[in-house]
Amino acid sequence: MKKRKNHSPDFKAKVVLEAIRKEMTLAKLSKKYGVHLLRATHAKLPATHAKHV
């Protein structure tokens, strides 16, 4: 059984920021960073639906 990857907050922020910019599709982002497509999607959702203060 493979051990799960633990990504740093900096890595997660980098992936989310690129997903928000929409310069690449989520499929290309997930391939570039080696994360599952759903992980990239789920990380993006809270950032795009956050209320701005």
PDB file of N, CA and C in Angstrom:
ATOM      1  N   MET A   1       0.839  -1.171   0.000  1.00  0.00           N
ATOM      2  CA  MET A   1       0.000   0.000   0.000  1.00  0.00           C
ATOM      3  C   MET A   1       0.891   1.244   0.000  1.00  0.00           C
ATOM      4  N   LYS A   2       0.530   2.204  -0.851  1.00  0.00           N
ATOM      5  CA  LYS A   2       1.298   3.448  -0.928  1.00  0.00           C
ATOM      6  C   LYS A   2       0.990   4.362   0.241  1.00  0.00           C
ATOM      7  N   LYS A   3       2.003   5.057   0.694  1.00  0.00           N
ATOM      8  CA  LYS A   3       1.806   6.036   1.749  1.00  0.00           C
ATOM      9  C   LYS A   3       1.254   7.319   1.139  1.00  0.00           C
ATOM     10  N   ARG A   4       0.311   7.950   1.813  1.00  0.00           N
ATOM     11  CA  ARG A   4      -0.287   9.184   1.313  1.00  0.00           C
ATOM     12  C   ARG A   4       0.729  10.312   1.341  1.00  0.00           C
ATOM     13  N   LYS A   5       0.620  11.196   0.342  1.00  0.00           N
ATOM     14  CA  LYS A   5       1.507  12.356   0.286  1.00  0.00           C
ATOM     15  C   LYS A   5       0.956  13.451   1.180  1.00  0.00           C
ATOM     16  N   ASN A   6       1.826  14.099   1.909  1.00  0.00           N
ATOM     17  CA  ASN A   6       1.440  15.255   2.703  1.00  0.00           C
ATOM     18  C   ASN A   6       2.066  16.480   2.053  1.00  0.00           C
ATOM     19  N   HIS A   7       1.218  17.347   1.522  1.00  0.00           N
ATOM     20  CA  HIS A   7       1.703  18.536   0.843  1.00  0.00           C
ATOM     21  C   HIS A   7       1.722  19.711   1.814  1.00  0.00           C
ATOM     22  N   SER A   8       2.736  20.557   1.665  1.00  0.00           N
ATOM     23  CA  SER A   8       2.881  21.721   2.527  1.00  0.00           C
ATOM     24  C   SER A   8       1.824  22.768   2.181  1.00  0.00           C
ATOM     25  N   PRO A   9       1.508  23.649   3.112  1.00  0.00           N
ATOM     26  CA  PRO A   9       0.565  24.726   2.825  1.00  0.00           C
ATOM     27  C   PRO A   9       1.024  25.609   1.657  1.00  0.00           C
ATOM     28  N   ASP A  10       2.331  25.807   1.513  1.00  0.00           N
ATOM     29  CA  ASP A  10       2.849  26.604   0.397  1.00  0.00           C
ATOM     30  C   ASP A  10       2.539  25.935  -0.943  1.00  0.00           C
ATOM     31  N   PHE A  11       2.726  24.623  -0.995  1.00  0.00           N
ATOM     32  CA  PHE A  11       2.439  23.879  -2.217  1.00  0.00           C
ATOM     33  C   PHE A  11       0.953  23.965  -2.554  1.00  0.00           C
ATOM     34  N   LYS A  12       0.105  23.788  -1.550  1.00  0.00           N
ATOM     35  CA  LYS A  12      -1.342  23.838  -1.765  1.00  0.00           C
ATOM     36  C   LYS A  12      -1.763  25.218  -2.252  1.00  0.00           C
ATOM     37  N   ALA A  13      -1.185  26.259  -1.671  1.00  0.00           N
ATOM     38  CA  ALA A  13      -1.515  27.626  -2.082  1.00  0.00           C
ATOM     39  C   ALA A  13      -1.105  27.869  -3.531  1.00  0.00           C
ATOM     40  N   LYS A  14       0.044  27.353  -3.920  1.00  0.00           N
ATOM     41  CA  LYS A  14       0.524  27.527  -5.287  1.00  0.00           C
ATOM     42  C   LYS A  14      -0.436  26.877  -6.284  1.00  0.00           C
ATOM     43  N   VAL A  15      -0.904  25.672  -5.964  1.00  0.00           N
ATOM     44  CA  VAL A  15      -1.825  24.959  -6.849  1.00  0.00           C
ATOM     45  C   VAL A  15      -3.156  25.708  -6.936  1.00  0.00           C
ATOM     46  N   VAL A  16      -3.667  26.168  -5.807  1.00  0.00           N
ATOM     47  CA  VAL A  16      -4.946  26.882  -5.793  1.00  0.00           C
ATOM     48  C   VAL A  16      -4.851  28.185  -6.569  1.00  0.00           C
ATOM     49  N   LEU A  17      -3.773  28.939  -6.393  1.00  0.00           N
ATOM     50  CA  LEU A  17      -3.630  30.205  -7.113  1.00  0.00           C
ATOM     51  C   LEU A  17      -3.574  29.980  -8.621  1.00  0.00           C
ATOM     52  N   GLU A  18      -2.879  28.943  -9.046  1.00  0.00           N
ATOM     53  CA  GLU A  18      -2.836  28.657 -10.480  1.00  0.00           C
ATOM     54  C   GLU A  18      -4.206  28.211 -10.988  1.00  0.00           C
ATOM     55  N   ALA A  19      -4.948  27.481 -10.165  1.00  0.00           N
ATOM     56  CA  ALA A  19      -6.286  27.042 -10.571  1.00  0.00           C
ATOM     57  C   ALA A  19      -7.227  28.231 -10.700  1.00  0.00           C
ATOM     58  N   ILE A  20      -7.102  29.205  -9.814  1.00  0.00           N
ATOM     59  CA  ILE A  20      -7.959  30.389  -9.856  1.00  0.00           C
ATOM     60  C   ILE A  20      -7.643  31.236 -11.080  1.00  0.00           C
ATOM     61  N   ARG A  21      -6.376  31.309 -11.456  1.00  0.00           N
ATOM     62  CA  ARG A  21      -5.980  32.107 -12.626  1.00  0.00           C
ATOM     63  C   ARG A  21      -6.525  31.545 -13.933  1.00  0.00           C
ATOM     64  N   LYS A  22      -6.836  30.250 -13.938  1.00  0.00           N
ATOM     65  CA  LYS A  22      -7.406  29.563 -15.106  1.00  0.00           C
ATOM     66  C   LYS A  22      -6.518  29.640 -16.346  1.00  0.00           C
ATOM     67  N   GLU A  23      -5.200  29.642 -16.151  1.00  0.00           N
ATOM     68  CA  GLU A  23      -4.276  29.619 -17.281  1.00  0.00           C
ATOM     69  C   GLU A  23      -4.160  28.213 -17.857  1.00  0.00           C
ATOM     70  N   MET A  24      -4.454  27.199 -17.044  1.00  0.00           N
ATOM     71  CA  MET A  24      -4.429  25.804 -17.468  1.00  0.00           C
ATOM     72  C   MET A  24      -5.718  25.150 -17.006  1.00  0.00           C
ATOM     73  N   THR A  25      -6.058  24.051 -17.665  1.00  0.00           N
ATOM     74  CA  THR A  25      -7.203  23.283 -17.191  1.00  0.00           C
ATOM     75  C   THR A  25      -6.813  22.581 -15.896  1.00  0.00           C
ATOM     76  N   LEU A  26      -7.826  22.170 -15.128  1.00  0.00           N
ATOM     77  CA  LEU A  26      -7.535  21.455 -13.889  1.00  0.00           C
ATOM     78  C   LEU A  26      -6.833  20.133 -14.174  1.00  0.00           C
ATOM     79  N   ALA A  27      -7.142  19.514 -15.304  1.00  0.00           N
ATOM     80  CA  ALA A  27      -6.479  18.257 -15.668  1.00  0.00           C
ATOM     81  C   ALA A  27      -4.983  18.481 -15.887  1.00  0.00           C
ATOM     82  N   LYS A  28      -4.631  19.571 -16.556  1.00  0.00           N
ATOM     83  CA  LYS A  28      -3.215  19.876 -16.791  1.00  0.00           C
ATOM     84  C   LYS A  28      -2.516  20.248 -15.488  1.00  0.00           C
ATOM     85  N   LEU A  29      -3.211  20.987 -14.624  1.00  0.00           N
ATOM     86  CA  LEU A  29      -2.630  21.342 -13.321  1.00  0.00           C
ATOM     87  C   LEU A  29      -2.367  20.093 -12.487  1.00  0.00           C
ATOM     88  N   SER A  30      -3.325  19.186 -12.458  1.00  0.00           N
ATOM     89  CA  SER A  30      -3.145  17.985 -11.651  1.00  0.00           C
ATOM     90  C   SER A  30      -1.984  17.145 -12.169  1.00  0.00           C
ATOM     91  N   LYS A  31      -1.801  17.122 -13.483  1.00  0.00           N
ATOM     92  CA  LYS A  31      -0.672  16.377 -14.056  1.00  0.00           C
ATOM     93  C   LYS A  31       0.651  17.085 -13.743  1.00  0.00           C
ATOM     94  N   LYS A  32       0.660  18.420 -13.859  1.00  0.00           N
ATOM     95  CA  LYS A  32       1.877  19.199 -13.611  1.00  0.00           C
ATOM     96  C   LYS A  32       2.381  19.021 -12.178  1.00  0.00           C
ATOM     97  N   TYR A  33       1.455  19.051 -11.217  1.00  0.00           N
ATOM     98  CA  TYR A  33       1.846  18.982  -9.808  1.00  0.00           C
ATOM     99  C   TYR A  33       1.744  17.586  -9.208  1.00  0.00           C
ATOM    100  N   GLY A  34       1.235  16.629  -9.976  1.00  0.00           N
ATOM    101  CA  GLY A  34       1.161  15.260  -9.479  1.00  0.00           C
ATOM    102  C   GLY A  34       0.113  15.062  -8.409  1.00  0.00           C
ATOM    103  N   VAL A  35      -0.983  15.802  -8.508  1.00  0.00           N
ATOM    104  CA  VAL A  35      -2.082  15.632  -7.561  1.00  0.00           C
ATOM    105  C   VAL A  35      -3.294  15.119  -8.328  1.00  0.00           C
ATOM    106  N   HIS A  36      -4.214  14.487  -7.621  1.00  0.00           N
ATOM    107  CA  HIS A  36      -5.417  13.974  -8.248  1.00  0.00           C
ATOM    108  C   HIS A  36      -6.304  15.141  -8.668  1.00  0.00           C
ATOM    109  N   LEU A  37      -7.018  14.979  -9.760  1.00  0.00           N
ATOM    110  CA  LEU A  37      -7.878  16.030 -10.301  1.00  0.00           C
ATOM    111  C   LEU A  37      -8.895  16.518  -9.270  1.00  0.00           C
ATOM    112  N   LEU A  38      -9.502  15.594  -8.530  1.00  0.00           N
ATOM    113  CA  LEU A  38     -10.481  15.998  -7.526  1.00  0.00           C
ATOM    114  C   LEU A  38      -9.843  16.799  -6.399  1.00  0.00           C
ATOM    115  N   ARG A  39      -8.612  16.490  -6.060  1.00  0.00           N
ATOM    116  CA  ARG A  39      -7.912  17.232  -5.004  1.00  0.00           C
ATOM    117  C   ARG A  39      -7.724  18.677  -5.435  1.00  0.00           C
ATOM    118  N   ALA A  40      -7.358  18.891  -6.684  1.00  0.00           N
ATOM    119  CA  ALA A  40      -7.180  20.252  -7.198  1.00  0.00           C
ATOM    120  C   ALA A  40      -8.514  20.986  -7.216  1.00  0.00           C
ATOM    121  N   THR A  41      -9.582  20.297  -7.589  1.00  0.00           N
ATOM    122  CA  THR A  41     -10.911  20.904  -7.636  1.00  0.00           C
ATOM    123  C   THR A  41     -11.394  21.270  -6.245  1.00  0.00           C
ATOM    124  N   HIS A  42     -11.237  20.363  -5.293  1.00  0.00           N
ATOM    125  CA  HIS A  42     -11.702  20.615  -3.934  1.00  0.00           C
ATOM    126  C   HIS A  42     -10.897  21.717  -3.260  1.00  0.00           C
ATOM    127  N   ALA A  43      -9.647  21.847  -3.595  1.00  0.00           N
ATOM    128  CA  ALA A  43      -8.824  22.905  -3.017  1.00  0.00           C
ATOM    129  C   ALA A  43      -9.238  24.265  -3.568  1.00  0.00           C
ATOM    130  N   LYS A  44      -9.682  24.293  -4.815  1.00  0.00           N
ATOM    131  CA  LYS A  44     -10.052  25.546  -5.462  1.00  0.00           C
ATOM    132  C   LYS A  44     -11.393  26.072  -4.951  1.00  0.00           C
ATOM    133  N   LEU A  45     -12.344  25.207  -4.676  1.00  0.00           N
ATOM    134  CA  LEU A  45     -13.709  25.629  -4.329  1.00  0.00           C
ATOM    135  C   LEU A  45     -13.789  26.581  -3.138  1.00  0.00           C
ATOM    136  N   PRO A  46     -13.195  26.286  -1.985  1.00  0.00           N
ATOM    137  CA  PRO A  46     -13.298  27.218  -0.862  1.00  0.00           C
ATOM    138  C   PRO A  46     -12.679  28.593  -1.175  1.00  0.00           C
ATOM    139  N   ALA A  47     -11.634  28.594  -1.966  1.00  0.00           N
ATOM    140  CA  ALA A  47     -10.964  29.852  -2.285  1.00  0.00           C
ATOM    141  C   ALA A  47     -11.827  30.732  -3.196  1.00  0.00           C
ATOM    142  N   THR A  48     -12.591  30.113  -4.080  1.00  0.00           N
ATOM    143  CA  THR A  48     -13.400  30.898  -5.011  1.00  0.00           C
ATOM    144  C   THR A  48     -14.742  31.302  -4.394  1.00  0.00           C
ATOM    145  N   HIS A  49     -15.187  30.617  -3.340  1.00  0.00           N
ATOM    146  CA  HIS A  49     -16.467  30.938  -2.723  1.00  0.00           C
ATOM    147  C   HIS A  49     -16.334  31.689  -1.409  1.00  0.00           C
ATOM    148  N   ALA A  50     -15.130  32.049  -1.056  1.00  0.00           N
ATOM    149  CA  ALA A  50     -14.914  32.773   0.209  1.00  0.00           C
ATOM    150  C   ALA A  50     -15.504  34.186   0.106  1.00  0.00           C
ATOM    151  N   LYS A  51     -16.054  34.628   1.223  1.00  0.00           N
ATOM    152  CA  LYS A  51     -16.592  35.982   1.269  1.00  0.00           C
ATOM    153  C   LYS A  51     -15.452  36.964   1.474  1.00  0.00           C
ATOM    154  N   HIS A  52     -15.460  38.013   0.697  1.00  0.00           N
ATOM    155  CA  HIS A  52     -14.428  39.036   0.822  1.00  0.00           C
ATOM    156  C   HIS A  52     -14.836  40.032   1.889  1.00  0.00           C
ATOM    157  N   VAL A  53     -13.924  40.297   2.786  1.00  0.00           N
ATOM    158  CA  VAL A  53     -14.217  41.206   3.903  1.00  0.00           C
ATOM    159  C   VAL A  53     -13.724  42.579   3.593  1.00  0.00           C
TER     160      VAL A  53
END
